[in-house]
Amino acid sequence: MEIKNICCIGAGYVGGPTMAVIAQKCPDIKVTVVDINEKRIAAWNDDNVNNIPIYEPGLAQIVSEARGRNLFFSTDVDAAIDKAEMIFISVNTPTKTYGIGKGMAADLKWIELCARQIASVAKNDKIIIEKSTLPVRTAAALKDILYNTGNGVKYQILSNPEFLAEGTAVKDLLNPDRVLVGGDIDTEEGRQAVKALCDVYRRWVPDNHILTTNVWSSELSKLTANAFLAQRVSSINAMSQLCEKTGADVNEVAKALGMDSRIGSKFLKSSVGFGGSCFQKDILNLVYIAKSFGLNEVADYWEQVIIMNDHQKRRFADNIIKTLFNTVSGKKIAVLGWAFKKDTNDTRESAAIYVADHLLNEEAEVAVYDPKVEEAQIYSDLNYLGTRSKEANRKNSQVYSDPYEACKDAHAIAVLTEWEEFATYDWEKIYDNMLKPAFIFDGRDLLDIQKMMKIGFIIKSIGKPTELKVLADSTALAS
């Protein structure tokens, strides 16, 4: 089966970068990314490629190379569906905010709408690929919708979950740990469809990095991978609290753990908590699926990962309040970083949102700076929580384009994204322009504690026995 036209429905954080890399590596295949969001498509087509809607290192260069040659962005969804032999579905599957499964189950309305639109347009056989993260057995629902149109078109439904980490998405696409393709491997038609997709990836991915399974294993593998990674983050964050009480250093504990070949060193970095579009959503979905099958103990186990993550964010904010003499009312708190991690402008489920919201509840004046997140997005994130009115959010928070202005006259600074530029600032200048005592709360273990203390800061870093270090330094000076 020769693929000449690929369509991707959804021009977001997965669809855009994935299709850009496919287009770059497969110049003989026409790749069209479609979305009903006209503003987003216009941004992808902007003459200045640096204005594309997603910031990922290396992405602009790849888009620049392929766009207009064999990579296209369009709002004409029907035309792209009609011409494509292979259609990726890469639309949002957020946690439901209504009805049965509210707060846990994945909302699949956009997936269903895609299936119905494909069914209404398709005139020849199609390979449909689930790229969005979906609950197990979603492929069966897609098949029911597609095959009940009565137009005689045949479909093969594959699962090809993404395993991208934002900030390194291009690197992950160019050199993936594995490409997972699930399909109907018990039939000849299914095997041919799986081969067709694998052949696309074989243009640049070695055979031993391409794994084929049945559809259900592929769908569940994505949820399980995110659950395991999030579990590691919550586990080390739980230990960070014990480190702070006992005088242990969470980084030293993590290093000792990571040198054990059975454990490994990745995802053992303690922080203010994980964010992003996947971890929380996928674990909640896993919890809902487990409960729906009556597996309550399984559900409780995975739900605790989310509970610990929420606790870590709340604990960080509470520590700011407690340290600032049990009140932040009327005090300026500078928040450095709003994106959920460095090298991305994605703010979904960012710890910064919840820490800032907690501080605003205590009537703090929150000053925000992030090198890649726009002001409108920051206010949108705060407003989405619905904790207070839009007017109140505007009144008590301010977004700055200059980090030094954000920190000027602040009582404290909270580092909430691990942007490397933060470590390079003139911290003596920042200290001189802050109110005293000047506090830093490092939620990403980014700053040099000893350097900050020598300048004069009182610094608290997650999982670090800061008070013990200060005491040791004072004793050394006295002697």
Protein backbone atom coordinates (compact mmCIF):
# COMPACT_ATOMS: atom_id res chain seq x y z
CA MET A 1 0.00 0.00 0.00
CA GLU A 2 1.67 3.22 -1.18
CA ILE A 3 0.91 6.37 0.78
CA LYS A 4 1.01 9.63 -1.18
CA ASN A 5 -1.31 11.85 0.87
CA ILE A 6 -1.50 12.15 4.64
CA CYS A 7 -4.03 14.26 6.51
CA CYS A 8 -3.78 15.16 10.19
CA ILE A 9 -6.86 16.52 11.93
CA GLY A 10 -5.61 18.78 14.73
CA ALA A 11 -2.81 21.36 14.53
CA GLY A 12 -1.85 21.34 18.19
CA TYR A 13 1.17 20.26 20.23
CA VAL A 14 1.16 16.74 18.80
CA GLY A 15 -0.22 17.09 15.28
CA GLY A 16 1.87 20.08 14.20
CA PRO A 17 5.36 18.84 15.18
CA THR A 18 4.68 15.20 14.23
CA MET A 19 3.48 16.08 10.75
CA ALA A 20 6.32 18.56 10.26
CA VAL A 21 8.89 15.83 10.90
CA ILE A 22 7.05 13.32 8.69
CA ALA A 23 6.95 15.90 5.90
CA GLN A 24 10.64 16.66 6.28
CA LYS A 25 11.63 12.99 6.21
CA CYS A 26 9.18 11.97 3.47
CA PRO A 27 9.38 14.71 0.81
CA ASP A 28 7.42 12.57 -1.68
CA ILE A 29 4.35 12.46 0.62
CA LYS A 30 1.99 15.40 0.76
CA VAL A 31 1.16 16.15 4.40
CA THR A 32 -1.79 18.42 5.19
CA VAL A 33 -2.56 19.52 8.75
CA VAL A 34 -6.12 20.76 9.19
CA ASP A 35 -7.90 22.50 12.04
CA ILE A 36 -11.13 24.46 12.40
CA ASN A 37 -9.23 27.07 14.47
CA GLU A 38 -8.52 29.71 11.82
CA LYS A 39 -6.20 31.71 14.09
CA ARG A 40 -4.03 28.67 14.77
CA ILE A 41 -3.75 27.74 11.09
CA ALA A 42 -2.90 31.36 10.23
CA ALA A 43 -0.09 31.22 12.79
CA TRP A 44 1.29 28.02 11.26
CA ASN A 45 1.25 29.78 7.88
CA ASP A 46 2.82 33.01 9.14
CA ASP A 47 5.54 34.35 6.81
CA ASN A 48 7.83 34.61 9.83
CA VAL A 49 8.29 30.98 10.78
CA ASN A 50 9.34 32.04 14.29
CA ASN A 51 5.71 33.03 14.89
CA ILE A 52 4.33 29.49 14.60
CA PRO A 53 1.98 28.78 17.54
CA ILE A 54 4.15 26.18 19.26
CA TYR A 55 7.60 26.83 20.64
CA GLU A 56 9.84 23.78 20.45
CA PRO A 57 13.60 23.92 19.88
CA GLY A 58 14.30 23.06 16.24
CA LEU A 59 10.66 23.05 15.11
CA ALA A 60 10.71 26.37 13.26
CA GLN A 61 13.60 25.21 11.07
CA ILE A 62 11.83 21.98 10.13
CA VAL A 63 8.60 23.79 9.31
CA SER A 64 10.53 26.31 7.23
CA GLU A 65 12.13 23.52 5.21
CA ALA A 66 8.96 21.57 4.44
CA ARG A 67 6.16 24.16 4.44
CA GLY A 68 4.96 24.94 0.94
CA ARG A 69 6.89 21.99 -0.48
CA ASN A 70 4.94 19.04 0.91
CA LEU A 71 3.72 20.40 4.26
CA PHE A 72 0.51 22.42 4.27
CA PHE A 73 -1.76 23.90 6.94
CA SER A 74 -5.41 24.45 6.09
CA THR A 75 -8.91 24.94 7.47
CA ASP A 76 -10.42 22.96 4.56
CA VAL A 77 -10.91 19.76 6.52
CA ASP A 78 -13.15 18.01 3.99
CA ALA A 79 -10.75 18.46 1.07
CA ALA A 80 -7.83 17.04 3.03
CA ILE A 81 -9.87 14.05 4.22
CA ASP A 82 -11.06 13.34 0.68
CA LYS A 83 -7.55 13.18 -0.80
CA ALA A 84 -5.76 11.33 1.99
CA GLU A 85 -5.10 7.60 2.10
CA MET A 86 -3.97 7.93 5.73
CA ILE A 87 -5.65 10.17 8.33
CA PHE A 88 -4.18 10.95 11.75
CA ILE A 89 -6.63 12.05 14.44
CA SER A 90 -4.77 14.35 16.78
CA VAL A 91 -7.42 16.38 18.56
CA ASN A 92 -7.77 17.28 22.21
CA THR A 93 -9.14 14.69 24.63
CA PRO A 94 -9.47 16.70 27.88
CA THR A 95 -10.87 15.42 31.13
CA LYS A 96 -14.67 15.70 31.19
CA THR A 97 -16.07 18.68 33.05
CA TYR A 98 -19.66 17.47 32.95
CA GLY A 99 -21.90 14.42 33.28
CA ILE A 100 -20.87 10.83 33.91
CA GLY A 101 -17.15 10.58 34.59
CA LYS A 102 -16.81 14.31 35.34
CA GLY A 103 -13.32 15.11 36.57
CA MET A 104 -11.85 11.74 35.50
CA ALA A 105 -13.01 10.31 32.18
CA ALA A 106 -11.60 11.52 28.87
CA ASP A 107 -13.99 13.69 26.86
CA LEU A 108 -14.16 12.00 23.44
CA LYS A 109 -16.60 14.34 21.72
CA TRP A 110 -13.93 15.71 19.37
CA ILE A 111 -12.82 12.20 18.46
CA GLU A 112 -16.39 11.24 17.60
CA LEU A 113 -16.90 14.41 15.56
CA CYS A 114 -13.76 13.60 13.58
CA ALA A 115 -15.01 10.08 12.87
CA ARG A 116 -18.39 11.36 11.69
CA GLN A 117 -16.78 13.95 9.45
CA ILE A 118 -14.48 11.35 7.91
CA ALA A 119 -17.45 9.03 7.34
CA SER A 120 -19.45 11.78 5.65
CA VAL A 121 -16.62 12.77 3.28
CA ALA A 122 -14.71 9.57 2.47
CA LYS A 123 -15.23 8.02 -0.97
CA ASN A 124 -12.36 5.52 -0.92
CA ASP A 125 -10.71 3.27 1.65
CA LYS A 126 -8.81 4.98 4.47
CA ILE A 127 -6.34 4.15 7.20
CA ILE A 128 -7.41 5.99 10.36
CA ILE A 129 -4.74 6.51 13.01
CA GLU A 130 -5.42 7.36 16.64
CA LYS A 131 -2.67 9.82 17.57
CA SER A 132 -4.52 11.39 20.50
CA THR A 133 -4.20 9.68 23.88
CA LEU A 134 -7.36 7.63 24.22
CA PRO A 135 -9.03 5.17 26.59
CA VAL A 136 -8.70 1.48 25.81
CA ARG A 137 -11.30 0.25 23.27
CA THR A 138 -11.80 3.67 21.66
CA ALA A 139 -10.89 2.08 18.32
CA ALA A 140 -14.01 -0.08 18.61
CA ALA A 141 -16.18 3.03 18.95
CA LEU A 142 -14.50 4.62 15.93
CA LYS A 143 -15.10 1.47 13.91
CA ASP A 144 -18.80 1.44 14.83
CA ILE A 145 -19.23 5.04 13.65
CA LEU A 146 -17.22 4.65 10.45
CA TYR A 147 -18.77 1.37 9.34
CA ASN A 148 -22.38 2.37 9.96
CA THR A 149 -22.56 5.04 7.26
CA GLY A 150 -23.59 2.62 4.53
CA ASN A 151 -21.31 4.13 1.85
CA GLY A 152 -19.20 1.00 1.39
CA VAL A 153 -15.87 2.61 2.31
CA LYS A 154 -13.50 0.30 4.20
CA TYR A 155 -11.40 1.53 7.10
CA GLN A 156 -8.45 0.19 9.02
CA ILE A 157 -8.04 1.74 12.47
CA LEU A 158 -4.57 1.90 13.96
CA SER A 159 -3.27 3.17 17.29
CA ASN A 160 -0.03 5.16 17.10
CA PRO A 161 0.34 6.98 20.43
CA GLU A 162 2.84 9.78 20.82
CA PHE A 163 5.61 9.57 23.41
CA LEU A 164 6.81 13.15 23.14
CA ALA A 165 8.17 15.25 25.97
CA GLU A 166 7.46 18.92 25.43
CA GLY A 167 10.67 20.87 25.18
CA THR A 168 12.35 17.93 23.44
CA ALA A 169 9.55 16.99 21.03
CA VAL A 170 11.61 17.43 17.86
CA LYS A 171 14.46 15.37 19.28
CA ASP A 172 11.96 12.70 20.39
CA LEU A 173 10.44 12.58 16.89
CA LEU A 174 13.78 12.41 15.08
CA ASN A 175 15.28 9.81 17.44
CA PRO A 176 12.40 8.02 19.20
CA ASP A 177 12.93 5.39 21.89
CA ARG A 178 10.22 3.46 20.10
CA VAL A 179 7.40 3.93 17.61
CA LEU A 180 4.36 1.93 18.67
CA VAL A 181 1.81 0.85 16.04
CA GLY A 182 -1.25 -1.14 17.07
CA GLY A 183 -3.61 -2.63 14.55
CA ASP A 184 -5.73 -5.61 13.54
CA ILE A 185 -2.73 -7.89 13.17
CA ASP A 186 -4.95 -11.00 12.85
CA THR A 187 -6.19 -10.06 9.37
CA GLU A 188 -4.31 -9.49 6.12
CA GLU A 189 -5.92 -6.07 5.64
CA GLY A 190 -4.92 -5.07 9.15
CA ARG A 191 -1.35 -6.22 8.69
CA GLN A 192 -1.10 -4.28 5.41
CA ALA A 193 -2.32 -1.11 7.14
CA VAL A 194 0.20 -1.57 9.96
CA LYS A 195 2.95 -2.08 7.38
CA ALA A 196 1.94 1.07 5.51
CA LEU A 197 2.33 3.21 8.63
CA CYS A 198 5.55 1.45 9.67
CA ASP A 199 6.95 2.09 6.19
CA VAL A 200 6.43 5.83 6.70
CA TYR A 201 8.44 5.75 9.93
CA ARG A 202 11.09 3.47 8.41
CA ARG A 203 12.27 6.43 6.33
CA TRP A 204 14.26 7.51 9.41
CA VAL A 205 13.49 5.16 12.33
CA PRO A 206 15.41 1.85 12.61
CA ASP A 207 13.33 -1.34 12.47
CA ASN A 208 14.32 -2.34 15.99
CA HIS A 209 12.70 0.85 17.31
CA ILE A 210 9.34 0.09 15.67
CA LEU A 211 7.02 -2.08 17.76
CA THR A 212 3.74 -3.56 16.50
CA THR A 213 0.97 -4.83 18.77
CA ASN A 214 -2.78 -5.23 18.73
CA VAL A 215 -4.82 -2.05 19.06
CA TRP A 216 -5.79 -2.53 22.70
CA SER A 217 -2.20 -3.04 23.90
CA SER A 218 -1.14 0.11 22.06
CA GLU A 219 -3.93 2.22 23.54
CA LEU A 220 -3.21 1.02 27.09
CA SER A 221 0.57 1.35 26.70
CA LYS A 222 0.32 5.12 26.34
CA LEU A 223 -1.74 5.56 29.51
CA THR A 224 0.53 3.18 31.40
CA ALA A 225 3.73 4.93 30.29
CA ASN A 226 2.50 8.30 31.53
CA ALA A 227 1.22 6.79 34.76
CA PHE A 228 4.60 5.19 35.51
CA LEU A 229 6.51 8.40 34.77
CA ALA A 230 4.18 10.51 36.90
CA GLN A 231 4.43 7.95 39.68
CA ARG A 232 8.20 8.42 39.80
CA VAL A 233 7.82 12.19 40.11
CA SER A 234 5.29 11.90 42.93
CA SER A 235 7.46 9.29 44.66
CA ILE A 236 10.56 11.50 44.77
CA ASN A 237 8.42 14.51 45.75
CA ALA A 238 7.05 12.51 48.67
CA MET A 239 10.62 11.78 49.75
CA SER A 240 11.56 15.47 49.40
CA GLN A 241 9.35 16.25 52.37
CA LEU A 242 11.12 13.68 54.51
CA CYS A 243 14.48 15.05 53.37
CA GLU A 244 13.55 18.53 54.55
CA LYS A 245 12.67 17.22 58.00
CA THR A 246 15.67 14.95 58.48
CA GLY A 247 18.49 16.98 56.94
CA ALA A 248 18.92 14.69 53.94
CA ASP A 249 19.38 16.19 50.46
CA VAL A 250 16.83 14.91 47.95
CA ASN A 251 19.34 15.25 45.09
CA GLU A 252 21.81 13.01 46.87
CA VAL A 253 19.06 10.49 47.60
CA ALA A 254 17.92 10.59 43.96
CA LYS A 255 21.49 10.09 42.72
CA ALA A 256 21.91 7.04 44.95
CA LEU A 257 18.63 5.62 43.66
CA GLY A 258 19.43 6.39 40.03
CA MET A 259 22.70 4.46 40.12
CA ASP A 260 20.69 1.31 40.80
CA SER A 261 20.30 -0.27 37.35
CA ARG A 262 16.89 -1.60 38.37
CA ILE A 263 15.61 1.93 38.96
CA GLY A 264 17.51 4.33 36.69
CA SER A 265 17.99 8.07 37.06
CA LYS A 266 15.25 9.56 34.89
CA PHE A 267 12.19 11.33 36.37
CA LEU A 268 13.73 11.46 39.84
CA LYS A 269 14.03 15.25 39.92
CA SER A 270 12.10 16.67 42.86
CA SER A 271 10.12 19.81 42.11
CA VAL A 272 6.99 21.79 42.87
CA GLY A 273 5.05 19.15 40.91
CA PHE A 274 4.44 17.86 37.42
CA GLY A 275 2.21 19.59 34.90
CA GLY A 276 1.47 19.40 31.20
CA SER A 277 -1.41 18.09 29.18
CA CYS A 278 -0.82 14.37 29.69
CA PHE A 279 0.15 13.12 33.13
CA GLN A 280 -2.83 14.23 35.20
CA LYS A 281 -5.36 13.70 32.43
CA ASP A 282 -4.12 10.23 31.59
CA ILE A 283 -3.89 9.05 35.20
CA LEU A 284 -7.42 10.29 35.92
CA ASN A 285 -8.57 8.44 32.83
CA LEU A 286 -6.80 5.30 34.06
CA VAL A 287 -8.47 5.69 37.45
CA TYR A 288 -11.87 6.02 35.78
CA ILE A 289 -11.32 2.95 33.59
CA ALA A 290 -10.21 0.89 36.60
CA LYS A 291 -13.28 1.95 38.59
CA SER A 292 -15.57 1.18 35.65
CA PHE A 293 -14.29 -2.42 35.77
CA GLY A 294 -14.70 -2.57 39.55
CA LEU A 295 -10.94 -2.49 40.15
CA ASN A 296 -11.17 -0.08 43.07
CA GLU A 297 -7.82 -0.94 44.64
CA VAL A 298 -6.10 -0.33 41.30
CA ALA A 299 -7.93 2.99 40.97
CA ASP A 300 -6.98 4.07 44.51
CA TYR A 301 -3.33 3.25 43.88
CA TRP A 302 -3.04 5.46 40.80
CA GLU A 303 -5.21 8.23 42.21
CA GLN A 304 -2.67 8.67 45.02
CA VAL A 305 -0.14 9.84 42.41
CA ILE A 306 -2.41 12.80 41.64
CA ILE A 307 -3.13 13.45 45.31
CA MET A 308 0.59 13.68 46.07
CA ASN A 309 1.18 16.02 43.11
CA ASP A 310 -1.60 18.36 44.23
CA HIS A 311 -0.23 18.27 47.78
CA GLN A 312 3.25 19.25 46.58
CA LYS A 313 1.94 22.37 44.82
CA ARG A 314 -0.20 23.36 47.79
CA ARG A 315 2.67 22.68 50.22
CA PHE A 316 5.00 24.93 48.21
CA ALA A 317 2.53 27.83 48.31
CA ASP A 318 1.80 27.30 52.00
CA ASN A 319 5.54 27.35 52.73
CA ILE A 320 5.80 30.80 51.12
CA ILE A 321 3.01 32.10 53.31
CA LYS A 322 4.38 30.52 56.48
CA THR A 323 7.91 31.80 55.83
CA LEU A 324 6.71 35.34 55.12
CA PHE A 325 5.52 35.59 58.72
CA ASN A 326 2.18 33.86 58.05
CA THR A 327 0.82 36.54 55.75
CA VAL A 328 1.36 37.60 52.14
CA SER A 329 -1.49 40.09 52.08
CA GLY A 330 -0.40 43.14 50.10
CA LYS A 331 3.06 41.65 49.54
CA LYS A 332 4.56 41.43 46.07
CA ILE A 333 5.57 37.88 45.16
CA ALA A 334 7.50 37.51 41.89
CA VAL A 335 6.77 34.31 39.98
CA LEU A 336 9.56 33.37 37.58
CA GLY A 337 8.20 30.91 35.03
CA TRP A 338 4.66 30.11 33.97
CA ALA A 339 5.16 27.31 31.41
CA PHE A 340 4.87 23.86 32.95
CA LYS A 341 8.49 23.12 31.97
CA LYS A 342 11.36 24.80 30.15
CA ASP A 343 11.64 25.03 26.35
CA THR A 344 7.90 25.13 25.76
CA ASN A 345 5.17 27.75 25.85
CA ASP A 346 2.59 25.18 26.99
CA THR A 347 1.00 26.11 30.32
CA ARG A 348 -1.54 23.31 30.71
CA GLU A 349 -1.69 22.12 34.34
CA SER A 350 1.40 24.17 35.14
CA ALA A 351 2.25 24.25 38.84
CA ALA A 352 2.69 28.02 38.55
CA ILE A 353 -1.04 28.48 37.91
CA TYR A 354 -2.03 26.78 41.14
CA VAL A 355 0.70 28.34 43.27
CA ALA A 356 -0.23 31.82 41.99
CA ASP A 357 -3.93 31.13 42.55
CA HIS A 358 -3.23 30.06 46.14
CA LEU A 359 -1.22 33.22 46.77
CA LEU A 360 -3.95 35.39 45.25
CA ASN A 361 -6.41 33.79 47.66
CA GLU A 362 -4.19 35.14 50.44
CA GLU A 363 -4.38 38.63 48.84
CA ALA A 364 -0.79 38.65 47.61
CA GLU A 365 0.23 40.84 44.68
CA VAL A 366 1.57 38.36 42.12
CA ALA A 367 4.11 39.52 39.52
CA VAL A 368 4.71 37.05 36.68
CA TYR A 369 7.51 36.74 34.16
CA ASP A 370 8.01 33.97 31.60
CA PRO A 371 10.25 34.26 28.51
CA LYS A 372 7.85 32.42 26.17
CA VAL A 373 4.31 32.60 27.59
CA GLU A 374 2.17 35.52 26.48
CA GLU A 375 0.29 37.76 28.91
CA ALA A 376 -3.12 36.79 27.52
CA GLN A 377 -2.39 33.11 28.20
CA ILE A 378 -1.40 33.79 31.80
CA TYR A 379 -4.62 35.61 32.57
CA SER A 380 -6.61 32.99 30.67
CA ASP A 381 -5.11 30.27 32.88
CA LEU A 382 -6.03 32.12 36.07
CA ASN A 383 -9.51 32.92 34.82
CA TYR A 384 -10.13 29.29 33.80
CA LEU A 385 -9.90 28.18 37.43
CA GLY A 386 -12.89 30.38 38.27
CA THR A 387 -11.58 31.11 41.76
CA ARG A 388 -12.35 34.81 41.47
CA SER A 389 -13.55 37.32 38.87
CA LYS A 390 -11.47 38.30 35.84
CA GLU A 391 -11.33 41.82 37.26
CA ALA A 392 -9.89 40.56 40.55
CA ASN A 393 -7.24 38.55 38.73
CA ARG A 394 -6.21 41.64 36.75
CA LYS A 395 -6.20 43.82 39.84
CA ASN A 396 -4.00 41.58 41.99
CA SER A 397 -1.59 40.18 39.39
CA GLN A 398 0.64 41.74 36.77
CA VAL A 399 2.60 40.24 33.88
CA TYR A 400 6.03 41.68 33.16
CA SER A 401 8.24 41.54 30.07
CA ASP A 402 11.35 42.26 32.15
CA PRO A 403 12.35 39.85 34.97
CA TYR A 404 14.18 42.57 36.88
CA GLU A 405 11.03 44.71 36.96
CA ALA A 406 9.00 41.71 38.06
CA CYS A 407 11.35 41.21 41.02
CA LYS A 408 11.72 44.89 41.93
CA ASP A 409 10.28 45.70 45.38
CA ALA A 410 9.22 42.08 45.83
CA HIS A 411 9.15 40.43 49.23
CA ALA A 412 9.88 37.02 47.70
CA ILE A 413 10.62 35.23 44.43
CA ALA A 414 9.17 31.85 43.47
CA VAL A 415 11.03 29.97 40.72
CA LEU A 416 8.42 27.74 39.12
CA THR A 417 9.86 26.82 35.69
CA GLU A 418 13.41 25.60 35.14
CA TRP A 419 14.27 28.12 32.42
CA GLU A 420 18.06 28.10 32.28
CA GLU A 421 18.20 31.87 31.82
CA PHE A 422 17.01 32.34 35.40
CA ALA A 423 20.31 31.00 36.73
CA THR A 424 22.26 33.56 34.67
CA TYR A 425 20.57 36.69 36.07
CA ASP A 426 22.41 39.38 38.02
CA TRP A 427 21.11 38.19 41.37
CA GLU A 428 23.00 40.84 43.32
CA LYS A 429 21.09 43.50 41.38
CA ILE A 430 17.82 41.66 42.04
CA TYR A 431 18.66 41.41 45.76
CA ASP A 432 19.48 45.12 46.00
CA ASN A 433 16.06 46.03 44.58
CA MET A 434 13.99 43.73 46.78
CA LEU A 435 12.50 44.34 50.20
CA LYS A 436 14.42 42.79 53.07
CA PRO A 437 14.60 40.11 54.23
CA ALA A 438 14.67 38.89 50.62
CA PHE A 439 13.33 35.38 50.13
CA ILE A 440 13.71 32.92 47.24
CA PHE A 441 11.60 29.77 46.97
CA ASP A 442 13.21 27.54 44.35
CA GLY A 443 10.62 25.08 43.11
CA ARG A 444 12.95 23.61 40.47
CA ASP A 445 16.30 23.34 42.29
CA LEU A 446 17.74 25.67 39.66
CA LEU A 447 19.72 28.16 41.72
CA ASP A 448 23.00 27.77 43.61
CA ILE A 449 21.97 27.84 47.26
CA GLN A 450 25.38 28.85 48.61
CA LYS A 451 25.73 31.65 46.05
CA MET A 452 22.28 33.01 46.86
CA MET A 453 22.95 32.94 50.61
CA LYS A 454 26.26 34.75 50.18
CA ILE A 455 24.42 37.53 48.35
CA GLY A 456 22.03 37.78 51.29
CA PHE A 457 18.96 35.85 50.21
CA ILE A 458 17.07 33.52 52.47
CA ILE A 459 16.52 30.62 50.08
CA LYS A 460 14.37 27.53 50.40
CA SER A 461 14.68 24.74 47.86
CA ILE A 462 12.48 21.65 47.76
CA GLY A 463 14.05 18.64 49.42
CA LYS A 464 17.03 20.61 50.74
CA PRO A 465 17.87 21.14 54.43
CA THR A 466 18.39 24.88 53.91
CA GLU A 467 18.09 25.76 57.57
CA LEU A 468 20.80 23.23 58.48
CA LYS A 469 23.14 24.66 55.82
CA VAL A 470 22.62 28.18 57.13
CA LEU A 471 23.34 26.98 60.66
CA ALA A 472 26.51 25.19 59.53
CA ASP A 473 27.73 28.27 57.68
CA SER A 474 27.04 30.49 60.71
CA THR A 475 28.98 28.12 62.99
CA ALA A 476 31.93 28.07 60.58
CA LEU A 477 32.02 31.87 60.45
CA ALA A 478 31.87 32.13 64.26
CA SER A 479 34.86 29.83 64.63
